[in-house]
Amino acid sequence: MLFVISSIDRKDALELRLATRQAHLAYVRDSQAVRLGGPFLDEAGNMVGSLIVLEAQDLAQAQAFAANDPYTRAGLFDSVAVRPWKATINACGAEF
């Protein structure tokens, strides 16, 4: 089952994000569950949050993944939402 993890950074937390970025990227790369991910950007192009599409057995497993993310553990986020998600159309327009 797919889940979306949508996280918004605390205000003025760009330095913390950059200091934790390599650990976060290693965590995501080492996971065999992440299907898609990337940062939200502000108008100036600065990273201000994250979106991850994750494959997990259930909501509890997806929430555990989010809780163990180095960004979360460092206190980067103001909010984190984990929701079930259904892929309907891919980038090429094909339906699942």
PDB file of N, CA and C in Angstrom:
ATOM      1  N   MET A   1       0.846  -1.168   0.000  1.00  0.00           N
ATOM      2  CA  MET A   1       0.000   0.000   0.000  1.00  0.00           C
ATOM      3  C   MET A   1       0.897   1.237   0.000  1.00  0.00           C
ATOM      4  N   LEU A   2       0.444   2.279  -0.689  1.00  0.00           N
ATOM      5  CA  LEU A   2       1.212   3.512  -0.764  1.00  0.00           C
ATOM      6  C   LEU A   2       0.719   4.534   0.261  1.00  0.00           C
ATOM      7  N   PHE A   3       1.684   5.329   0.752  1.00  0.00           N
ATOM      8  CA  PHE A   3       1.397   6.404   1.697  1.00  0.00           C
ATOM      9  C   PHE A   3       2.156   7.642   1.262  1.00  0.00           C
ATOM     10  N   VAL A   4       1.595   8.805   1.559  1.00  0.00           N
ATOM     11  CA  VAL A   4       2.275  10.072   1.331  1.00  0.00           C
ATOM     12  C   VAL A   4       2.643  10.651   2.692  1.00  0.00           C
ATOM     13  N   ILE A   5       3.913  11.029   2.810  1.00  0.00           N
ATOM     14  CA  ILE A   5       4.377  11.736   3.998  1.00  0.00           C
ATOM     15  C   ILE A   5       4.631  13.172   3.561  1.00  0.00           C
ATOM     16  N   SER A   6       3.865  14.092   4.122  1.00  0.00           N
ATOM     17  CA  SER A   6       3.970  15.509   3.789  1.00  0.00           C
ATOM     18  C   SER A   6       4.425  16.250   5.040  1.00  0.00           C
ATOM     19  N   SER A   7       5.596  16.873   4.954  1.00  0.00           N
ATOM     20  CA  SER A   7       6.189  17.525   6.121  1.00  0.00           C
ATOM     21  C   SER A   7       6.529  18.971   5.800  1.00  0.00           C
ATOM     22  N   ILE A   8       6.236  19.853   6.744  1.00  0.00           N
ATOM     23  CA  ILE A   8       6.524  21.272   6.595  1.00  0.00           C
ATOM     24  C   ILE A   8       7.567  21.654   7.649  1.00  0.00           C
ATOM     25  N   ASP A   9       8.637  22.319   7.192  1.00  0.00           N
ATOM     26  CA  ASP A   9       9.719  22.722   8.087  1.00  0.00           C
ATOM     27  C   ASP A   9       9.270  23.791   9.071  1.00  0.00           C
ATOM     28  N   ARG A  10       9.940  23.812  10.230  1.00  0.00           N
ATOM     29  CA  ARG A  10       9.785  24.921  11.154  1.00  0.00           C
ATOM     30  C   ARG A  10      10.291  26.189  10.478  1.00  0.00           C
ATOM     31  N   LYS A  11       9.801  27.307  10.907  1.00  0.00           N
ATOM     32  CA  LYS A  11      10.240  28.589  10.364  1.00  0.00           C
ATOM     33  C   LYS A  11      11.737  28.777  10.631  1.00  0.00           C
ATOM     34  N   ASP A  12      12.442  29.313   9.663  1.00  0.00           N
ATOM     35  CA  ASP A  12      13.871  29.606   9.793  1.00  0.00           C
ATOM     36  C   ASP A  12      14.715  28.368  10.115  1.00  0.00           C
ATOM     37  N   ALA A  13      14.388  27.238   9.515  1.00  0.00           N
ATOM     38  CA  ALA A  13      15.089  25.984   9.812  1.00  0.00           C
ATOM     39  C   ALA A  13      15.975  25.507   8.658  1.00  0.00           C
ATOM     40  N   LEU A  14      16.248  26.370   7.685  1.00  0.00           N
ATOM     41  CA  LEU A  14      17.036  25.937   6.526  1.00  0.00           C
ATOM     42  C   LEU A  14      18.412  25.421   6.934  1.00  0.00           C
ATOM     43  N   GLU A  15      19.071  26.073   7.882  1.00  0.00           N
ATOM     44  CA  GLU A  15      20.398  25.606   8.318  1.00  0.00           C
ATOM     45  C   GLU A  15      20.323  24.209   8.918  1.00  0.00           C
ATOM     46  N   LEU A  16      19.297  23.934   9.709  1.00  0.00           N
ATOM     47  CA  LEU A  16      19.111  22.594  10.287  1.00  0.00           C
ATOM     48  C   LEU A  16      18.864  21.578   9.185  1.00  0.00           C
ATOM     49  N   ARG A  17      18.051  21.945   8.192  1.00  0.00           N
ATOM     50  CA  ARG A  17      17.789  21.038   7.060  1.00  0.00           C
ATOM     51  C   ARG A  17      19.089  20.716   6.345  1.00  0.00           C
ATOM     52  N   LEU A  18      19.881  21.723   6.057  1.00  0.00           N
ATOM     53  CA  LEU A  18      21.131  21.490   5.326  1.00  0.00           C
ATOM     54  C   LEU A  18      22.114  20.664   6.149  1.00  0.00           C
ATOM     55  N   ALA A  19      22.152  20.878   7.455  1.00  0.00           N
ATOM     56  CA  ALA A  19      23.058  20.124   8.321  1.00  0.00           C
ATOM     57  C   ALA A  19      22.652  18.657   8.438  1.00  0.00           C
ATOM     58  N   THR A  20      21.378  18.367   8.241  1.00  0.00           N
ATOM     59  CA  THR A  20      20.845  17.011   8.405  1.00  0.00           C
ATOM     60  C   THR A  20      20.602  16.323   7.065  1.00  0.00           C
ATOM     61  N   ARG A  21      20.769  17.033   5.980  1.00  0.00           N
ATOM     62  CA  ARG A  21      20.388  16.543   4.646  1.00  0.00           C
ATOM     63  C   ARG A  21      21.066  15.239   4.251  1.00  0.00           C
ATOM     64  N   GLN A  22      22.362  15.112   4.461  1.00  0.00           N
ATOM     65  CA  GLN A  22      23.055  13.885   4.037  1.00  0.00           C
ATOM     66  C   GLN A  22      22.547  12.661   4.792  1.00  0.00           C
ATOM     67  N   ALA A  23      22.281  12.811   6.085  1.00  0.00           N
ATOM     68  CA  ALA A  23      21.728  11.698   6.866  1.00  0.00           C
ATOM     69  C   ALA A  23      20.326  11.337   6.375  1.00  0.00           C
ATOM     70  N   HIS A  24      19.532  12.352   6.070  1.00  0.00           N
ATOM     71  CA  HIS A  24      18.182  12.111   5.537  1.00  0.00           C
ATOM     72  C   HIS A  24      18.258  11.382   4.199  1.00  0.00           C
ATOM     73  N   LEU A  25      19.103  11.856   3.298  1.00  0.00           N
ATOM     74  CA  LEU A  25      19.216  11.225   1.976  1.00  0.00           C
ATOM     75  C   LEU A  25      19.702   9.793   2.088  1.00  0.00           C
ATOM     76  N   ALA A  26      20.631   9.512   2.985  1.00  0.00           N
ATOM     77  CA  ALA A  26      21.106   8.140   3.193  1.00  0.00           C
ATOM     78  C   ALA A  26      19.970   7.263   3.720  1.00  0.00           C
ATOM     79  N   TYR A  27      19.189   7.784   4.653  1.00  0.00           N
ATOM     80  CA  TYR A  27      18.053   7.045   5.216  1.00  0.00           C
ATOM     81  C   TYR A  27      17.051   6.686   4.123  1.00  0.00           C
ATOM     82  N   VAL A  28      16.739   7.652   3.278  1.00  0.00           N
ATOM     83  CA  VAL A  28      15.771   7.425   2.205  1.00  0.00           C
ATOM     84  C   VAL A  28      16.339   6.455   1.169  1.00  0.00           C
ATOM     85  N   ARG A  29      17.607   6.635   0.795  1.00  0.00           N
ATOM     86  CA  ARG A  29      18.235   5.744  -0.192  1.00  0.00           C
ATOM     87  C   ARG A  29      18.319   4.315   0.310  1.00  0.00           C
ATOM     88  N   ASP A  30      18.625   4.144   1.596  1.00  0.00           N
ATOM     89  CA  ASP A  30      18.769   2.802   2.166  1.00  0.00           C
ATOM     90  C   ASP A  30      17.433   2.084   2.293  1.00  0.00           C
ATOM     91  N   SER A  31      16.358   2.835   2.309  1.00  0.00           N
ATOM     92  CA  SER A  31      15.033   2.238   2.387  1.00  0.00           C
ATOM     93  C   SER A  31      14.662   1.678   1.024  1.00  0.00           C
ATOM     94  N   GLN A  32      14.123   0.503   1.024  1.00  0.00           N
ATOM     95  CA  GLN A  32      13.627  -0.075  -0.231  1.00  0.00           C
ATOM     96  C   GLN A  32      12.172   0.318  -0.468  1.00  0.00           C
ATOM     97  N   ALA A  33      11.621   1.139   0.415  1.00  0.00           N
ATOM     98  CA  ALA A  33      10.196   1.447   0.381  1.00  0.00           C
ATOM     99  C   ALA A  33       9.852   2.773  -0.290  1.00  0.00           C
ATOM    100  N   VAL A  34      10.810   3.690  -0.401  1.00  0.00           N
ATOM    101  CA  VAL A  34      10.517   5.007  -0.959  1.00  0.00           C
ATOM    102  C   VAL A  34      10.377   4.908  -2.478  1.00  0.00           C
ATOM    103  N   ARG A  35       9.262   5.393  -2.981  1.00  0.00           N
ATOM    104  CA  ARG A  35       8.987   5.351  -4.418  1.00  0.00           C
ATOM    105  C   ARG A  35       9.243   6.687  -5.106  1.00  0.00           C
ATOM    106  N   LEU A  36       9.095   7.782  -4.362  1.00  0.00           N
ATOM    107  CA  LEU A  36       9.244   9.117  -4.924  1.00  0.00           C
ATOM    108  C   LEU A  36       9.413  10.084  -3.763  1.00  0.00           C
ATOM    109  N   GLY A  37      10.194  11.111  -3.960  1.00  0.00           N
ATOM    110  CA  GLY A  37      10.333  12.089  -2.885  1.00  0.00           C
ATOM    111  C   GLY A  37      11.054  13.330  -3.357  1.00  0.00           C
ATOM    112  N   GLY A  38      10.935  14.383  -2.563  1.00  0.00           N
ATOM    113  CA  GLY A  38      11.632  15.620  -2.853  1.00  0.00           C
ATOM    114  C   GLY A  38      11.142  16.730  -1.952  1.00  0.00           C
ATOM    115  N   PRO A  39      11.866  17.861  -1.986  1.00  0.00           N
ATOM    116  CA  PRO A  39      11.516  18.969  -1.103  1.00  0.00           C
ATOM    117  C   PRO A  39      10.438  19.876  -1.687  1.00  0.00           C
ATOM    118  N   PHE A  40       9.669  20.482  -0.783  1.00  0.00           N
ATOM    119  CA  PHE A  40       8.837  21.623  -1.145  1.00  0.00           C
ATOM    120  C   PHE A  40       9.762  22.831  -1.177  1.00  0.00           C
ATOM    121  N   LEU A  41       9.467  23.790  -2.046  1.00  0.00           N
ATOM    122  CA  LEU A  41      10.287  24.993  -2.183  1.00  0.00           C
ATOM    123  C   LEU A  41       9.453  26.242  -1.925  1.00  0.00           C
ATOM    124  N   ASP A  42      10.119  27.281  -1.400  1.00  0.00           N
ATOM    125  CA  ASP A  42       9.446  28.574  -1.294  1.00  0.00           C
ATOM    126  C   ASP A  42       9.676  29.365  -2.580  1.00  0.00           C
ATOM    127  N   GLU A  43       9.199  30.589  -2.623  1.00  0.00           N
ATOM    128  CA  GLU A  43       9.296  31.406  -3.838  1.00  0.00           C
ATOM    129  C   GLU A  43      10.741  31.680  -4.246  1.00  0.00           C
ATOM    130  N   ALA A  44      11.658  31.669  -3.277  1.00  0.00           N
ATOM    131  CA  ALA A  44      13.078  31.921  -3.556  1.00  0.00           C
ATOM    132  C   ALA A  44      13.827  30.648  -3.941  1.00  0.00           C
ATOM    133  N   GLY A  45      13.131  29.500  -3.927  1.00  0.00           N
ATOM    134  CA  GLY A  45      13.766  28.242  -4.274  1.00  0.00           C
ATOM    135  C   GLY A  45      14.403  27.525  -3.102  1.00  0.00           C
ATOM    136  N   ASN A  46      14.194  28.012  -1.880  1.00  0.00           N
ATOM    137  CA  ASN A  46      14.723  27.359  -0.687  1.00  0.00           C
ATOM    138  C   ASN A  46      13.829  26.195  -0.275  1.00  0.00           C
ATOM    139  N   MET A  47      14.444  25.130   0.236  1.00  0.00           N
ATOM    140  CA  MET A  47      13.689  23.968   0.705  1.00  0.00           C
ATOM    141  C   MET A  47      12.956  24.334   1.999  1.00  0.00           C
ATOM    142  N   VAL A  48      11.659  24.008   2.042  1.00  0.00           N
ATOM    143  CA  VAL A  48      10.833  24.361   3.203  1.00  0.00           C
ATOM    144  C   VAL A  48       9.955  23.207   3.676  1.00  0.00           C
ATOM    145  N   GLY A  49      10.166  22.032   3.153  1.00  0.00           N
ATOM    146  CA  GLY A  49       9.371  20.871   3.536  1.00  0.00           C
ATOM    147  C   GLY A  49       9.736  19.690   2.674  1.00  0.00           C
ATOM    148  N   SER A  50       9.033  18.584   2.882  1.00  0.00           N
ATOM    149  CA  SER A  50       9.337  17.351   2.152  1.00  0.00           C
ATOM    150  C   SER A  50       8.065  16.607   1.789  1.00  0.00           C
ATOM    151  N   LEU A  51       8.117  15.906   0.674  1.00  0.00           N
ATOM    152  CA  LEU A  51       7.059  14.993   0.269  1.00  0.00           C
ATOM    153  C   LEU A  51       7.709  13.668  -0.083  1.00  0.00           C
ATOM    154  N   ILE A  52       7.208  12.588   0.495  1.00  0.00           N
ATOM    155  CA  ILE A  52       7.704  11.241   0.204  1.00  0.00           C
ATOM    156  C   ILE A  52       6.513  10.353  -0.086  1.00  0.00           C
ATOM    157  N   VAL A  53       6.591   9.584  -1.170  1.00  0.00           N
ATOM    158  CA  VAL A  53       5.634   8.520  -1.445  1.00  0.00           C
ATOM    159  C   VAL A  53       6.339   7.226  -1.054  1.00  0.00           C
ATOM    160  N   LEU A  54       5.711   6.494  -0.159  1.00  0.00           N
ATOM    161  CA  LEU A  54       6.322   5.344   0.492  1.00  0.00           C
ATOM    162  C   LEU A  54       5.424   4.127   0.357  1.00  0.00           C
ATOM    163  N   GLU A  55       6.011   2.980   0.114  1.00  0.00           N
ATOM    164  CA  GLU A  55       5.256   1.733   0.149  1.00  0.00           C
ATOM    165  C   GLU A  55       5.453   1.096   1.514  1.00  0.00           C
ATOM    166  N   ALA A  56       4.343   0.785   2.190  1.00  0.00           N
ATOM    167  CA  ALA A  56       4.398   0.195   3.522  1.00  0.00           C
ATOM    168  C   ALA A  56       3.233  -0.774   3.687  1.00  0.00           C
ATOM    169  N   GLN A  57       3.370  -1.671   4.674  1.00  0.00           N
ATOM    170  CA  GLN A  57       2.315  -2.656   4.915  1.00  0.00           C
ATOM    171  C   GLN A  57       1.050  -2.009   5.469  1.00  0.00           C
ATOM    172  N   ASP A  58       1.243  -0.985   6.311  1.00  0.00           N
ATOM    173  CA  ASP A  58       0.099  -0.340   6.939  1.00  0.00           C
ATOM    174  C   ASP A  58       0.499   1.053   7.418  1.00  0.00           C
ATOM    175  N   LEU A  59      -0.477   1.783   7.945  1.00  0.00           N
ATOM    176  CA  LEU A  59      -0.239   3.143   8.403  1.00  0.00           C
ATOM    177  C   LEU A  59       0.808   3.186   9.507  1.00  0.00           C
ATOM    178  N   ALA A  60       0.775   2.238  10.419  1.00  0.00           N
ATOM    179  CA  ALA A  60       1.743   2.224  11.516  1.00  0.00           C
ATOM    180  C   ALA A  60       3.177   2.123  10.995  1.00  0.00           C
ATOM    181  N   GLN A  61       3.402   1.303   9.986  1.00  0.00           N
ATOM    182  CA  GLN A  61       4.739   1.173   9.417  1.00  0.00           C
ATOM    183  C   GLN A  61       5.167   2.466   8.720  1.00  0.00           C
ATOM    184  N   ALA A  62       4.258   3.111   8.018  1.00  0.00           N
ATOM    185  CA  ALA A  62       4.561   4.386   7.360  1.00  0.00           C
ATOM    186  C   ALA A  62       4.850   5.467   8.396  1.00  0.00           C
ATOM    187  N   GLN A  63       4.090   5.501   9.472  1.00  0.00           N
ATOM    188  CA  GLN A  63       4.327   6.472  10.539  1.00  0.00           C
ATOM    189  C   GLN A  63       5.678   6.228  11.210  1.00  0.00           C
ATOM    190  N   ALA A  64       6.053   4.976  11.386  1.00  0.00           N
ATOM    191  CA  ALA A  64       7.352   4.647  11.985  1.00  0.00           C
ATOM    192  C   ALA A  64       8.488   5.116  11.080  1.00  0.00           C
ATOM    193  N   PHE A  65       8.322   4.937   9.769  1.00  0.00           N
ATOM    194  CA  PHE A  65       9.333   5.421   8.829  1.00  0.00           C
ATOM    195  C   PHE A  65       9.497   6.934   8.980  1.00  0.00           C
ATOM    196  N   ALA A  66       8.384   7.654   9.022  1.00  0.00           N
ATOM    197  CA  ALA A  66       8.428   9.112   9.155  1.00  0.00           C
ATOM    198  C   ALA A  66       9.077   9.513  10.483  1.00  0.00           C
ATOM    199  N   ALA A  67       8.750   8.817  11.548  1.00  0.00           N
ATOM    200  CA  ALA A  67       9.282   9.154  12.872  1.00  0.00           C
ATOM    201  C   ALA A  67      10.786   8.932  12.967  1.00  0.00           C
ATOM    202  N   ASN A  68      11.318   7.992  12.208  1.00  0.00           N
ATOM    203  CA  ASN A  68      12.744   7.671  12.264  1.00  0.00           C
ATOM    204  C   ASN A  68      13.581   8.422  11.235  1.00  0.00           C
ATOM    205  N   ASP A  69      12.956   9.238  10.413  1.00  0.00           N
ATOM    206  CA  ASP A  69      13.688  10.052   9.444  1.00  0.00           C
ATOM    207  C   ASP A  69      14.616  10.997  10.216  1.00  0.00           C
ATOM    208  N   PRO A  70      15.878  11.105   9.824  1.00  0.00           N
ATOM    209  CA  PRO A  70      16.788  12.027  10.509  1.00  0.00           C
ATOM    210  C   PRO A  70      16.269  13.463  10.581  1.00  0.00           C
ATOM    211  N   TYR A  71      15.524  13.903   9.594  1.00  0.00           N
ATOM    212  CA  TYR A  71      14.928  15.234   9.656  1.00  0.00           C
ATOM    213  C   TYR A  71      13.967  15.328  10.857  1.00  0.00           C
ATOM    214  N   THR A  72      13.105  14.324  11.001  1.00  0.00           N
ATOM    215  CA  THR A  72      12.146  14.317  12.109  1.00  0.00           C
ATOM    216  C   THR A  72      12.880  14.253  13.441  1.00  0.00           C
ATOM    217  N   ARG A  73      13.857  13.366  13.525  1.00  0.00           N
ATOM    218  CA  ARG A  73      14.608  13.185  14.772  1.00  0.00           C
ATOM    219  C   ARG A  73      15.382  14.443  15.163  1.00  0.00           C
ATOM    220  N   ALA A  74      15.762  15.252  14.180  1.00  0.00           N
ATOM    221  CA  ALA A  74      16.480  16.500  14.451  1.00  0.00           C
ATOM    222  C   ALA A  74      15.537  17.642  14.834  1.00  0.00           C
ATOM    223  N   GLY A  75      14.235  17.419  14.719  1.00  0.00           N
ATOM    224  CA  GLY A  75      13.269  18.466  15.059  1.00  0.00           C
ATOM    225  C   GLY A  75      13.044  19.485  13.956  1.00  0.00           C
ATOM    226  N   LEU A  76      13.300  19.089  12.712  1.00  0.00           N
ATOM    227  CA  LEU A  76      13.169  20.017  11.587  1.00  0.00           C
ATOM    228  C   LEU A  76      11.729  20.445  11.320  1.00  0.00           C
ATOM    229  N   PHE A  77      10.786  19.544  11.492  1.00  0.00           N
ATOM    230  CA  PHE A  77       9.434  19.783  10.994  1.00  0.00           C
ATOM    231  C   PHE A  77       8.512  20.443  12.000  1.00  0.00           C
ATOM    232  N   ASP A  78       7.705  21.357  11.480  1.00  0.00           N
ATOM    233  CA  ASP A  78       6.615  21.955  12.237  1.00  0.00           C
ATOM    234  C   ASP A  78       5.409  21.027  12.216  1.00  0.00           C
ATOM    235  N   SER A  79       5.230  20.328  11.094  1.00  0.00           N
ATOM    236  CA  SER A  79       4.109  19.389  10.979  1.00  0.00           C
ATOM    237  C   SER A  79       4.481  18.244  10.051  1.00  0.00           C
ATOM    238  N   VAL A  80       3.909  17.074  10.348  1.00  0.00           N
ATOM    239  CA  VAL A  80       4.085  15.880   9.519  1.00  0.00           C
ATOM    240  C   VAL A  80       2.734  15.201   9.402  1.00  0.00           C
ATOM    241  N   ALA A  81       2.317  14.915   8.166  1.00  0.00           N
ATOM    242  CA  ALA A  81       1.074  14.181   7.932  1.00  0.00           C
ATOM    243  C   ALA A  81       1.404  12.935   7.127  1.00  0.00           C
ATOM    244  N   VAL A  82       0.872  11.805   7.565  1.00  0.00           N
ATOM    245  CA  VAL A  82       1.055  10.537   6.864  1.00  0.00           C
ATOM    246  C   VAL A  82      -0.336  10.051   6.475  1.00  0.00           C
ATOM    247  N   ARG A  83      -0.538   9.867   5.164  1.00  0.00           N
ATOM    248  CA  ARG A  83      -1.864   9.494   4.669  1.00  0.00           C
ATOM    249  C   ARG A  83      -1.760   8.365   3.646  1.00  0.00           C
ATOM    250  N   PRO A  84      -2.728   7.453   3.634  1.00  0.00           N
ATOM    251  CA  PRO A  84      -2.787   6.470   2.548  1.00  0.00           C
ATOM    252  C   PRO A  84      -3.000   7.210   1.229  1.00  0.00           C
ATOM    253  N   TRP A  85      -2.437   6.641   0.168  1.00  0.00           N
ATOM    254  CA  TRP A  85      -2.506   7.294  -1.145  1.00  0.00           C
ATOM    255  C   TRP A  85      -2.649   6.232  -2.223  1.00  0.00           C
ATOM    256  N   LYS A  86      -3.398   6.559  -3.248  1.00  0.00           N
ATOM    257  CA  LYS A  86      -3.576   5.645  -4.379  1.00  0.00           C
ATOM    258  C   LYS A  86      -3.059   6.307  -5.644  1.00  0.00           C
ATOM    259  N   ALA A  87      -2.069   5.692  -6.284  1.00  0.00           N
ATOM    260  CA  ALA A  87      -1.567   6.194  -7.564  1.00  0.00           C
ATOM    261  C   ALA A  87      -2.612   5.900  -8.627  1.00  0.00           C
ATOM    262  N   THR A  88      -2.984   6.923  -9.371  1.00  0.00           N
ATOM    263  CA  THR A  88      -3.993   6.761 -10.410  1.00  0.00           C
ATOM    264  C   THR A  88      -3.417   7.032 -11.793  1.00  0.00           C
ATOM    265  N   ILE A  89      -2.573   8.027 -11.899  1.00  0.00           N
ATOM    266  CA  ILE A  89      -1.981   8.395 -13.189  1.00  0.00           C
ATOM    267  C   ILE A  89      -0.496   8.641 -12.972  1.00  0.00           C
ATOM    268  N   ASN A  90       0.346   8.082 -13.851  1.00  0.00           N
ATOM    269  CA  ASN A  90       1.779   8.346 -13.720  1.00  0.00           C
ATOM    270  C   ASN A  90       2.177   9.502 -14.636  1.00  0.00           C
ATOM    271  N   ALA A  91       3.455   9.827 -14.637  1.00  0.00           N
ATOM    272  CA  ALA A  91       3.945  10.976 -15.401  1.00  0.00           C
ATOM    273  C   ALA A  91       3.685  10.840 -16.893  1.00  0.00           C
ATOM    274  N   CYS A  92       3.526   9.627 -17.387  1.00  0.00           N
ATOM    275  CA  CYS A  92       3.285   9.411 -18.817  1.00  0.00           C
ATOM    276  C   CYS A  92       1.785   9.379 -19.142  1.00  0.00           C
ATOM    277  N   GLY A  93       0.957   9.539 -18.136  1.00  0.00           N
ATOM    278  CA  GLY A  93      -0.484   9.545 -18.361  1.00  0.00           C
ATOM    279  C   GLY A  93      -1.126   8.172 -18.316  1.00  0.00           C
ATOM    280  N   ALA A  94      -0.365   7.120 -18.062  1.00  0.00           N
ATOM    281  CA  ALA A  94      -0.942   5.776 -17.988  1.00  0.00           C
ATOM    282  C   ALA A  94      -1.674   5.593 -16.667  1.00  0.00           C
ATOM    283  N   GLU A  95      -2.791   4.932 -16.687  1.00  0.00           N
ATOM    284  CA  GLU A  95      -3.539   4.661 -15.467  1.00  0.00           C
ATOM    285  C   GLU A  95      -3.091   3.342 -14.886  1.00  0.00           C
ATOM    286  N   PHE A  96      -3.119   3.257 -13.560  1.00  0.00           N
ATOM    287  CA  PHE A  96      -2.767   2.017 -12.854  1.00  0.00           C
ATOM    288  C   PHE A  96      -3.996   1.177 -12.674  1.00  0.00           C
TER     289      PHE A  96
END
